[in-house]
């Protein structure tokens, strides 16, 4: 059985990904402040590690912890994210630093720390955002950090390809989760601008991650896969 590590997987998209992969993978997740008990009640075989991904030393130690628990590491899903808001008129250095540390530095450091453990056939799936290409007015550094994730995904795919390691990203559009549901009028705007007449769901994102991590995607690397129901086509 393969082992998947999903960061920030206690709720939202991460929980959907972890729950889906736990059907046929060993699954390890990280959490920082949100209690993982509800997830572990539903999926008792998941291993939960409390990690502050903004701490480089803690992030670097994580792959070995997973190896010690399950004996292997075959898939990394870089899902944890910081979505602090900012704009050009209200620059805040701490906001920028936090967004980039969690969204860019942590995935880069985690993958670097895991390379000695990843064998040919391993996969990395980064969770990006449509805001990498359609930046949000009140999320300057978040949008910029996700654009950096897209660029790093392609660079990592090119670098790690000779090792037999694939690197891709899933870029969700606007998604309502049980913990964060938009008001109906805002939801309706996204639906109106989507080709499929609906918004993507957390389960749609989980299905995309499963595909990119699977042998069915063995020839796919360096791809940023939009999962947004055809938003703004």
Foldseek 3Di string as FASTA:
>chain_A
DAEEEEEPQQFDLNVLLQVVPLVPHAYEYEDAPDDSVVSCVVVVSYHYHHADLLDLVRLLCPLVVSCVVPVAHFEYELEDFDQDWAAPVGDDPVSLSRRQSNLPVSVVSNCVSCVVRYAALGEYEYEAAPCCVVPDRGRVSNNVNSVVVLVVQLVVQVVCVVRNYAGEYEHAYDEATPVRHDPPVVLQVQLVQAPQSHFDYSNQVSVVSVCCSDVVVSVDHSYYHYDTNRGND
